[in-house]
Amino acid sequence: MVSNEENLLSQLRARCKRVEEHLSLADLTTYKVGGSADLAAFPQNAEELAGVKRLLLEQDVPHAILGGGSNVLISDRGIRGAVVVTSALDRLEV
């Protein structure tokens, strides 16, 4: 039997090329402090971003959005749930 976490992970990977588990967030912030995220998705385009966001909302997964990581302090306890890292999305046009 597949656990809910494994199922979520496989669904995220179907929507986004880069998904990591237990990722230290300190390296993604300018202050270089903070704990890890249970899951981190790195969408490369608007389609991946929309797919990831839709899945997290449908599955009621707690999540946060992290841009470039400047002026952000992350608790040493990390972030439970998922973090969507949008640093590759420096330019989106609608």
PDB file of N, CA and C in Angstrom:
ATOM      1  N   MET A   1       0.838  -1.186   0.000  1.00  0.00           N
ATOM      2  CA  MET A   1       0.000   0.000   0.000  1.00  0.00           C
ATOM      3  C   MET A   1       0.882   1.250   0.000  1.00  0.00           C
ATOM      4  N   VAL A   2       0.544   2.220  -0.836  1.00  0.00           N
ATOM      5  CA  VAL A   2       1.313   3.454  -0.953  1.00  0.00           C
ATOM      6  C   VAL A   2       0.791   4.458   0.060  1.00  0.00           C
ATOM      7  N   SER A   3       1.705   5.067   0.815  1.00  0.00           N
ATOM      8  CA  SER A   3       1.282   6.050   1.806  1.00  0.00           C
ATOM      9  C   SER A   3       0.831   7.324   1.109  1.00  0.00           C
ATOM     10  N   ASN A   4       0.084   8.145   1.850  1.00  0.00           N
ATOM     11  CA  ASN A   4      -0.382   9.417   1.298  1.00  0.00           C
ATOM     12  C   ASN A   4       0.776  10.304   0.887  1.00  0.00           C
ATOM     13  N   GLU A   5       1.861  10.288   1.691  1.00  0.00           N
ATOM     14  CA  GLU A   5       3.020  11.115   1.371  1.00  0.00           C
ATOM     15  C   GLU A   5       3.687  10.661   0.070  1.00  0.00           C
ATOM     16  N   GLU A   6       3.822   9.358  -0.109  1.00  0.00           N
ATOM     17  CA  GLU A   6       4.411   8.842  -1.358  1.00  0.00           C
ATOM     18  C   GLU A   6       3.526   9.164  -2.549  1.00  0.00           C
ATOM     19  N   ASN A   7       2.211   9.070  -2.367  1.00  0.00           N
ATOM     20  CA  ASN A   7       1.264   9.392  -3.423  1.00  0.00           C
ATOM     21  C   ASN A   7       1.366  10.877  -3.789  1.00  0.00           C
ATOM     22  N   LEU A   8       1.425  11.741  -2.782  1.00  0.00           N
ATOM     23  CA  LEU A   8       1.565  13.174  -3.033  1.00  0.00           C
ATOM     24  C   LEU A   8       2.870  13.454  -3.772  1.00  0.00           C
ATOM     25  N   LEU A   9       3.940  12.824  -3.340  1.00  0.00           N
ATOM     26  CA  LEU A   9       5.240  13.020  -3.966  1.00  0.00           C
ATOM     27  C   LEU A   9       5.196  12.624  -5.449  1.00  0.00           C
ATOM     28  N   SER A  10       4.604  11.494  -5.746  1.00  0.00           N
ATOM     29  CA  SER A  10       4.539  11.064  -7.145  1.00  0.00           C
ATOM     30  C   SER A  10       3.653  11.995  -7.968  1.00  0.00           C
ATOM     31  N   GLN A  11       2.579  12.493  -7.386  1.00  0.00           N
ATOM     32  CA  GLN A  11       1.716  13.436  -8.095  1.00  0.00           C
ATOM     33  C   GLN A  11       2.431  14.769  -8.336  1.00  0.00           C
ATOM     34  N   LEU A  12       3.197  15.221  -7.348  1.00  0.00           N
ATOM     35  CA  LEU A  12       3.973  16.456  -7.532  1.00  0.00           C
ATOM     36  C   LEU A  12       4.994  16.287  -8.647  1.00  0.00           C
ATOM     37  N   ARG A  13       5.668  15.149  -8.647  1.00  0.00           N
ATOM     38  CA  ARG A  13       6.688  14.908  -9.680  1.00  0.00           C
ATOM     39  C   ARG A  13       6.081  14.797 -11.066  1.00  0.00           C
ATOM     40  N   ALA A  14       4.828  14.418 -11.158  1.00  0.00           N
ATOM     41  CA  ALA A  14       4.146  14.366 -12.451  1.00  0.00           C
ATOM     42  C   ALA A  14       3.844  15.768 -12.974  1.00  0.00           C
ATOM     43  N   ARG A  15       3.810  16.746 -12.074  1.00  0.00           N
ATOM     44  CA  ARG A  15       3.470  18.112 -12.456  1.00  0.00           C
ATOM     45  C   ARG A  15       4.670  19.052 -12.515  1.00  0.00           C
ATOM     46  N   CYS A  16       5.771  18.654 -11.893  1.00  0.00           N
ATOM     47  CA  CYS A  16       6.932  19.543 -11.770  1.00  0.00           C
ATOM     48  C   CYS A  16       8.202  18.706 -11.896  1.00  0.00           C
ATOM     49  N   LYS A  17       9.121  19.144 -12.741  1.00  0.00           N
ATOM     50  CA  LYS A  17      10.336  18.358 -12.994  1.00  0.00           C
ATOM     51  C   LYS A  17      11.223  18.217 -11.761  1.00  0.00           C
ATOM     52  N   ARG A  18      11.309  19.273 -10.948  1.00  0.00           N
ATOM     53  CA  ARG A  18      12.192  19.210  -9.778  1.00  0.00           C
ATOM     54  C   ARG A  18      11.377  19.288  -8.493  1.00  0.00           C
ATOM     55  N   VAL A  19      11.376  18.193  -7.756  1.00  0.00           N
ATOM     56  CA  VAL A  19      10.733  18.118  -6.445  1.00  0.00           C
ATOM     57  C   VAL A  19      11.720  17.428  -5.514  1.00  0.00           C
ATOM     58  N   GLU A  20      11.935  18.016  -4.345  1.00  0.00           N
ATOM     59  CA  GLU A  20      12.880  17.440  -3.381  1.00  0.00           C
ATOM     60  C   GLU A  20      12.200  17.225  -2.039  1.00  0.00           C
ATOM     61  N   GLU A  21      12.680  16.228  -1.316  1.00  0.00           N
ATOM     62  CA  GLU A  21      12.195  15.935   0.029  1.00  0.00           C
ATOM     63  C   GLU A  21      13.218  16.409   1.053  1.00  0.00           C
ATOM     64  N   HIS A  22      12.731  16.858   2.194  1.00  0.00           N
ATOM     65  CA  HIS A  22      13.578  17.237   3.328  1.00  0.00           C
ATOM     66  C   HIS A  22      14.708  18.185   2.905  1.00  0.00           C
ATOM     67  N   LEU A  23      14.351  19.218   2.190  1.00  0.00           N
ATOM     68  CA  LEU A  23      15.320  20.173   1.667  1.00  0.00           C
ATOM     69  C   LEU A  23      15.626  21.261   2.687  1.00  0.00           C
ATOM     70  N   SER A  24      16.902  21.499   2.958  1.00  0.00           N
ATOM     71  CA  SER A  24      17.297  22.601   3.829  1.00  0.00           C
ATOM     72  C   SER A  24      16.985  23.915   3.123  1.00  0.00           C
ATOM     73  N   LEU A  25      16.230  24.769   3.787  1.00  0.00           N
ATOM     74  CA  LEU A  25      15.849  26.048   3.185  1.00  0.00           C
ATOM     75  C   LEU A  25      16.881  27.144   3.429  1.00  0.00           C
ATOM     76  N   ALA A  26      17.832  26.903   4.317  1.00  0.00           N
ATOM     77  CA  ALA A  26      18.836  27.923   4.628  1.00  0.00           C
ATOM     78  C   ALA A  26      19.596  28.362   3.376  1.00  0.00           C
ATOM     79  N   ASP A  27      19.897  27.426   2.498  1.00  0.00           N
ATOM     80  CA  ASP A  27      20.653  27.763   1.295  1.00  0.00           C
ATOM     81  C   ASP A  27      19.845  28.584   0.296  1.00  0.00           C
ATOM     82  N   LEU A  28      18.544  28.667   0.504  1.00  0.00           N
ATOM     83  CA  LEU A  28      17.682  29.405  -0.416  1.00  0.00           C
ATOM     84  C   LEU A  28      17.359  30.814   0.064  1.00  0.00           C
ATOM     85  N   THR A  29      17.930  31.200   1.218  1.00  0.00           N
ATOM     86  CA  THR A  29      17.673  32.540   1.747  1.00  0.00           C
ATOM     87  C   THR A  29      18.978  33.319   1.866  1.00  0.00           C
ATOM     88  N   THR A  30      18.865  34.633   1.836  1.00  0.00           N
ATOM     89  CA  THR A  30      20.069  35.464   1.923  1.00  0.00           C
ATOM     90  C   THR A  30      20.669  35.445   3.329  1.00  0.00           C
ATOM     91  N   TYR A  31      19.860  35.196   4.356  1.00  0.00           N
ATOM     92  CA  TYR A  31      20.378  35.134   5.720  1.00  0.00           C
ATOM     93  C   TYR A  31      21.014  33.780   6.043  1.00  0.00           C
ATOM     94  N   LYS A  32      20.771  32.770   5.209  1.00  0.00           N
ATOM     95  CA  LYS A  32      21.363  31.429   5.362  1.00  0.00           C
ATOM     96  C   LYS A  32      21.027  30.770   6.693  1.00  0.00           C
ATOM     97  N   VAL A  33      19.789  30.950   7.151  1.00  0.00           N
ATOM     98  CA  VAL A  33      19.327  30.307   8.381  1.00  0.00           C
ATOM     99  C   VAL A  33      17.991  29.631   8.109  1.00  0.00           C
ATOM    100  N   GLY A  34      17.658  28.668   8.934  1.00  0.00           N
ATOM    101  CA  GLY A  34      16.352  28.027   8.852  1.00  0.00           C
ATOM    102  C   GLY A  34      16.457  26.536   8.678  1.00  0.00           C
ATOM    103  N   GLY A  35      15.360  25.893   8.975  1.00  0.00           N
ATOM    104  CA  GLY A  35      15.283  24.440   8.891  1.00  0.00           C
ATOM    105  C   GLY A  35      14.916  23.964   7.497  1.00  0.00           C
ATOM    106  N   SER A  36      14.359  22.780   7.449  1.00  0.00           N
ATOM    107  CA  SER A  36      14.062  22.169   6.152  1.00  0.00           C
ATOM    108  C   SER A  36      12.560  22.158   5.874  1.00  0.00           C
ATOM    109  N   ALA A  37      12.246  21.901   4.614  1.00  0.00           N
ATOM    110  CA  ALA A  37      10.862  21.729   4.190  1.00  0.00           C
ATOM    111  C   ALA A  37      10.623  20.247   3.960  1.00  0.00           C
ATOM    112  N   ASP A  38       9.445  19.774   4.314  1.00  0.00           N
ATOM    113  CA  ASP A  38       9.109  18.375   4.049  1.00  0.00           C
ATOM    114  C   ASP A  38       9.229  18.086   2.558  1.00  0.00           C
ATOM    115  N   LEU A  39       8.630  18.962   1.749  1.00  0.00           N
ATOM    116  CA  LEU A  39       8.689  18.846   0.290  1.00  0.00           C
ATOM    117  C   LEU A  39       8.963  20.221  -0.294  1.00  0.00           C
ATOM    118  N   ALA A  40       9.722  20.252  -1.372  1.00  0.00           N
ATOM    119  CA  ALA A  40       9.970  21.506  -2.069  1.00  0.00           C
ATOM    120  C   ALA A  40       9.823  21.271  -3.563  1.00  0.00           C
ATOM    121  N   ALA A  41       9.018  22.107  -4.197  1.00  0.00           N
ATOM    122  CA  ALA A  41       8.813  22.034  -5.646  1.00  0.00           C
ATOM    123  C   ALA A  41       9.414  23.282  -6.276  1.00  0.00           C
ATOM    124  N   PHE A  42      10.076  23.097  -7.409  1.00  0.00           N
ATOM    125  CA  PHE A  42      10.752  24.186  -8.115  1.00  0.00           C
ATOM    126  C   PHE A  42      10.174  24.312  -9.525  1.00  0.00           C
ATOM    127  N   PRO A  43       8.985  24.907  -9.667  1.00  0.00           N
ATOM    128  CA  PRO A  43       8.403  25.017 -11.008  1.00  0.00           C
ATOM    129  C   PRO A  43       9.264  25.889 -11.919  1.00  0.00           C
ATOM    130  N   GLN A  44       9.340  25.480 -13.184  1.00  0.00           N
ATOM    131  CA  GLN A  44      10.168  26.187 -14.155  1.00  0.00           C
ATOM    132  C   GLN A  44       9.357  27.080 -15.092  1.00  0.00           C
ATOM    133  N   ASN A  45       8.031  26.940 -15.041  1.00  0.00           N
ATOM    134  CA  ASN A  45       7.189  27.757 -15.909  1.00  0.00           C
ATOM    135  C   ASN A  45       5.801  27.871 -15.273  1.00  0.00           C
ATOM    136  N   ALA A  46       4.961  28.678 -15.910  1.00  0.00           N
ATOM    137  CA  ALA A  46       3.626  28.935 -15.368  1.00  0.00           C
ATOM    138  C   ALA A  46       2.779  27.668 -15.305  1.00  0.00           C
ATOM    139  N   GLU A  47       2.931  26.785 -16.271  1.00  0.00           N
ATOM    140  CA  GLU A  47       2.153  25.547 -16.289  1.00  0.00           C
ATOM    141  C   GLU A  47       2.502  24.667 -15.082  1.00  0.00           C
ATOM    142  N   GLU A  48       3.785  24.524 -14.804  1.00  0.00           N
ATOM    143  CA  GLU A  48       4.197  23.723 -13.638  1.00  0.00           C
ATOM    144  C   GLU A  48       3.704  24.371 -12.351  1.00  0.00           C
ATOM    145  N   LEU A  49       3.829  25.692 -12.257  1.00  0.00           N
ATOM    146  CA  LEU A  49       3.377  26.405 -11.058  1.00  0.00           C
ATOM    147  C   LEU A  49       1.882  26.173 -10.830  1.00  0.00           C
ATOM    148  N   ALA A  50       1.086  26.312 -11.867  1.00  0.00           N
ATOM    149  CA  ALA A  50      -0.356  26.127 -11.733  1.00  0.00           C
ATOM    150  C   ALA A  50      -0.690  24.690 -11.334  1.00  0.00           C
ATOM    151  N   GLY A  51      -0.008  23.716 -11.916  1.00  0.00           N
ATOM    152  CA  GLY A  51      -0.259  22.318 -11.584  1.00  0.00           C
ATOM    153  C   GLY A  51       0.081  21.990 -10.138  1.00  0.00           C
ATOM    154  N   VAL A  52       1.223  22.511  -9.678  1.00  0.00           N
ATOM    155  CA  VAL A  52       1.648  22.272  -8.294  1.00  0.00           C
ATOM    156  C   VAL A  52       0.672  22.927  -7.324  1.00  0.00           C
ATOM    157  N   LYS A  53       0.346  24.178  -7.571  1.00  0.00           N
ATOM    158  CA  LYS A  53      -0.551  24.919  -6.675  1.00  0.00           C
ATOM    159  C   LYS A  53      -1.926  24.250  -6.618  1.00  0.00           C
ATOM    160  N   ARG A  54      -2.451  23.847  -7.773  1.00  0.00           N
ATOM    161  CA  ARG A  54      -3.751  23.186  -7.831  1.00  0.00           C
ATOM    162  C   ARG A  54      -3.736  21.895  -7.002  1.00  0.00           C
ATOM    163  N   LEU A  55      -2.683  21.086  -7.168  1.00  0.00           N
ATOM    164  CA  LEU A  55      -2.586  19.830  -6.429  1.00  0.00           C
ATOM    165  C   LEU A  55      -2.530  20.080  -4.923  1.00  0.00           C
ATOM    166  N   LEU A  56      -1.713  21.023  -4.487  1.00  0.00           N
ATOM    167  CA  LEU A  56      -1.587  21.300  -3.062  1.00  0.00           C
ATOM    168  C   LEU A  56      -2.909  21.765  -2.467  1.00  0.00           C
ATOM    169  N   LEU A  57      -3.644  22.581  -3.216  1.00  0.00           N
ATOM    170  CA  LEU A  57      -4.956  23.033  -2.738  1.00  0.00           C
ATOM    171  C   LEU A  57      -5.955  21.883  -2.698  1.00  0.00           C
ATOM    172  N   GLU A  58      -5.988  21.056  -3.753  1.00  0.00           N
ATOM    173  CA  GLU A  58      -6.914  19.924  -3.805  1.00  0.00           C
ATOM    174  C   GLU A  58      -6.653  18.923  -2.688  1.00  0.00           C
ATOM    175  N   GLN A  59      -5.384  18.705  -2.371  1.00  0.00           N
ATOM    176  CA  GLN A  59      -5.010  17.728  -1.339  1.00  0.00           C
ATOM    177  C   GLN A  59      -4.966  18.347   0.056  1.00  0.00           C
ATOM    178  N   ASP A  60      -5.258  19.642   0.146  1.00  0.00           N
ATOM    179  CA  ASP A  60      -5.258  20.370   1.418  1.00  0.00           C
ATOM    180  C   ASP A  60      -3.906  20.267   2.130  1.00  0.00           C
ATOM    181  N   VAL A  61      -2.837  20.416   1.351  1.00  0.00           N
ATOM    182  CA  VAL A  61      -1.479  20.352   1.890  1.00  0.00           C
ATOM    183  C   VAL A  61      -1.058  21.757   2.315  1.00  0.00           C
ATOM    184  N   PRO A  62      -0.633  21.930   3.574  1.00  0.00           N
ATOM    185  CA  PRO A  62      -0.126  23.240   3.968  1.00  0.00           C
ATOM    186  C   PRO A  62       1.103  23.575   3.128  1.00  0.00           C
ATOM    187  N   HIS A  63       1.187  24.815   2.663  1.00  0.00           N
ATOM    188  CA  HIS A  63       2.313  25.172   1.803  1.00  0.00           C
ATOM    189  C   HIS A  63       2.614  26.660   1.902  1.00  0.00           C
ATOM    190  N   ALA A  64       3.827  26.986   1.487  1.00  0.00           N
ATOM    191  CA  ALA A  64       4.292  28.371   1.452  1.00  0.00           C
ATOM    192  C   ALA A  64       4.961  28.601   0.108  1.00  0.00           C
ATOM    193  N   ILE A  65       4.979  29.850  -0.314  1.00  0.00           N
ATOM    194  CA  ILE A  65       5.637  30.245  -1.548  1.00  0.00           C
ATOM    195  C   ILE A  65       6.910  30.988  -1.165  1.00  0.00           C
ATOM    196  N   LEU A  66       8.024  30.618  -1.770  1.00  0.00           N
ATOM    197  CA  LEU A  66       9.306  31.278  -1.513  1.00  0.00           C
ATOM    198  C   LEU A  66       9.863  31.774  -2.834  1.00  0.00           C
ATOM    199  N   GLY A  67      10.100  33.065  -2.908  1.00  0.00           N
ATOM    200  CA  GLY A  67      10.657  33.655  -4.128  1.00  0.00           C
ATOM    201  C   GLY A  67      12.176  33.593  -4.106  1.00  0.00           C
ATOM    202  N   GLY A  68      12.794  34.748  -4.169  1.00  0.00           N
ATOM    203  CA  GLY A  68      14.248  34.816  -4.204  1.00  0.00           C
ATOM    204  C   GLY A  68      14.919  34.581  -2.863  1.00  0.00           C
ATOM    205  N   GLY A  69      14.152  34.628  -1.783  1.00  0.00           N
ATOM    206  CA  GLY A  69      14.700  34.333  -0.468  1.00  0.00           C
ATOM    207  C   GLY A  69      15.351  35.498   0.248  1.00  0.00           C
ATOM    208  N   SER A  70      15.179  36.715  -0.268  1.00  0.00           N
ATOM    209  CA  SER A  70      15.759  37.855   0.446  1.00  0.00           C
ATOM    210  C   SER A  70      14.764  38.364   1.486  1.00  0.00           C
ATOM    211  N   ASN A  71      15.312  38.810   2.614  1.00  0.00           N
ATOM    212  CA  ASN A  71      14.508  39.345   3.716  1.00  0.00           C
ATOM    213  C   ASN A  71      13.485  38.339   4.236  1.00  0.00           C
ATOM    214  N   VAL A  72      13.885  37.083   4.284  1.00  0.00           N
ATOM    215  CA  VAL A  72      13.018  36.013   4.780  1.00  0.00           C
ATOM    216  C   VAL A  72      13.746  35.282   5.898  1.00  0.00           C
ATOM    217  N   LEU A  73      13.057  35.102   7.010  1.00  0.00           N
ATOM    218  CA  LEU A  73      13.597  34.287   8.099  1.00  0.00           C
ATOM    219  C   LEU A  73      12.741  33.038   8.228  1.00  0.00           C
ATOM    220  N   ILE A  74      13.381  31.893   8.201  1.00  0.00           N
ATOM    221  CA  ILE A  74      12.682  30.616   8.321  1.00  0.00           C
ATOM    222  C   ILE A  74      13.075  29.993   9.651  1.00  0.00           C
ATOM    223  N   SER A  75      12.098  29.525  10.369  1.00  0.00           N
ATOM    224  CA  SER A  75      12.333  28.904  11.667  1.00  0.00           C
ATOM    225  C   SER A  75      13.297  27.728  11.539  1.00  0.00           C
ATOM    226  N   ASP A  76      14.078  27.512  12.581  1.00  0.00           N
ATOM    227  CA  ASP A  76      14.959  26.345  12.618  1.00  0.00           C
ATOM    228  C   ASP A  76      14.153  25.049  12.597  1.00  0.00           C
ATOM    229  N   ARG A  77      12.863  25.122  12.962  1.00  0.00           N
ATOM    230  CA  ARG A  77      11.987  23.950  12.910  1.00  0.00           C
ATOM    231  C   ARG A  77      11.568  23.620  11.482  1.00  0.00           C
ATOM    232  N   GLY A  78      11.828  24.539  10.570  1.00  0.00           N
ATOM    233  CA  GLY A  78      11.501  24.307   9.167  1.00  0.00           C
ATOM    234  C   GLY A  78      10.051  24.582   8.853  1.00  0.00           C
ATOM    235  N   ILE A  79       9.606  24.063   7.725  1.00  0.00           N
ATOM    236  CA  ILE A  79       8.236  24.263   7.266  1.00  0.00           C
ATOM    237  C   ILE A  79       7.624  22.894   6.988  1.00  0.00           C
ATOM    238  N   ARG A  80       6.546  22.605   7.700  1.00  0.00           N
ATOM    239  CA  ARG A  80       5.834  21.349   7.476  1.00  0.00           C
ATOM    240  C   ARG A  80       4.951  21.513   6.244  1.00  0.00           C
ATOM    241  N   GLY A  81       4.857  20.478   5.484  1.00  0.00           N
ATOM    242  CA  GLY A  81       4.094  20.546   4.249  1.00  0.00           C
ATOM    243  C   GLY A  81       5.031  20.797   3.094  1.00  0.00           C
ATOM    244  N   ALA A  82       4.641  21.696   2.221  1.00  0.00           N
ATOM    245  CA  ALA A  82       5.418  21.939   1.007  1.00  0.00           C
ATOM    246  C   ALA A  82       5.810  23.406   0.885  1.00  0.00           C
ATOM    247  N   VAL A  83       6.912  23.622   0.192  1.00  0.00           N
ATOM    248  CA  VAL A  83       7.342  24.965  -0.187  1.00  0.00           C
ATOM    249  C   VAL A  83       7.443  24.978  -1.705  1.00  0.00           C
ATOM    250  N   VAL A  84       6.855  25.996  -2.312  1.00  0.00           N
ATOM    251  CA  VAL A  84       6.948  26.178  -3.750  1.00  0.00           C
ATOM    252  C   VAL A  84       7.964  27.292  -3.972  1.00  0.00           C
ATOM    253  N   VAL A  85       9.095  26.935  -4.555  1.00  0.00           N
ATOM    254  CA  VAL A  85      10.198  27.881  -4.759  1.00  0.00           C
ATOM    255  C   VAL A  85      10.083  28.439  -6.171  1.00  0.00           C
ATOM    256  N   THR A  86       9.823  29.742  -6.251  1.00  0.00           N
ATOM    257  CA  THR A  86       9.548  30.362  -7.548  1.00  0.00           C
ATOM    258  C   THR A  86      10.740  31.143  -8.094  1.00  0.00           C
ATOM    259  N   SER A  87      11.930  30.880  -7.601  1.00  0.00           N
ATOM    260  CA  SER A  87      13.102  31.655  -8.020  1.00  0.00           C
ATOM    261  C   SER A  87      13.389  31.547  -9.522  1.00  0.00           C
ATOM    262  N   ALA A  88      12.980  30.470 -10.181  1.00  0.00           N
ATOM    263  CA  ALA A  88      13.198  30.327 -11.618  1.00  0.00           C
ATOM    264  C   ALA A  88      12.163  31.120 -12.435  1.00  0.00           C
ATOM    265  N   LEU A  89      11.142  31.613 -11.761  1.00  0.00           N
ATOM    266  CA  LEU A  89      10.058  32.314 -12.442  1.00  0.00           C
ATOM    267  C   LEU A  89      10.264  33.819 -12.330  1.00  0.00           C
ATOM    268  N   ASP A  90      11.406  34.290 -12.817  1.00  0.00           N
ATOM    269  CA  ASP A  90      11.694  35.712 -12.693  1.00  0.00           C
ATOM    270  C   ASP A  90      10.910  36.565 -13.666  1.00  0.00           C
ATOM    271  N   ARG A  91      10.237  35.907 -14.614  1.00  0.00           N
ATOM    272  CA  ARG A  91       9.441  36.673 -15.556  1.00  0.00           C
ATOM    273  C   ARG A  91       8.288  35.805 -16.068  1.00  0.00           C
ATOM    274  N   LEU A  92       7.092  36.204 -15.718  1.00  0.00           N
ATOM    275  CA  LEU A  92       5.887  35.534 -16.207  1.00  0.00           C
ATOM    276  C   LEU A  92       5.028  36.564 -16.926  1.00  0.00           C
ATOM    277  N   GLU A  93       4.525  36.176 -18.062  1.00  0.00           N
ATOM    278  CA  GLU A  93       3.607  37.058 -18.779  1.00  0.00           C
ATOM    279  C   GLU A  93       2.269  36.373 -18.895  1.00  0.00           C
ATOM    280  N   VAL A  94       1.210  37.153 -18.702  1.00  0.00           N
ATOM    281  CA  VAL A  94      -0.144  36.611 -18.777  1.00  0.00           C
ATOM    282  C   VAL A  94      -0.846  37.249 -19.968  1.00  0.00           C
TER     283      VAL A  94
END
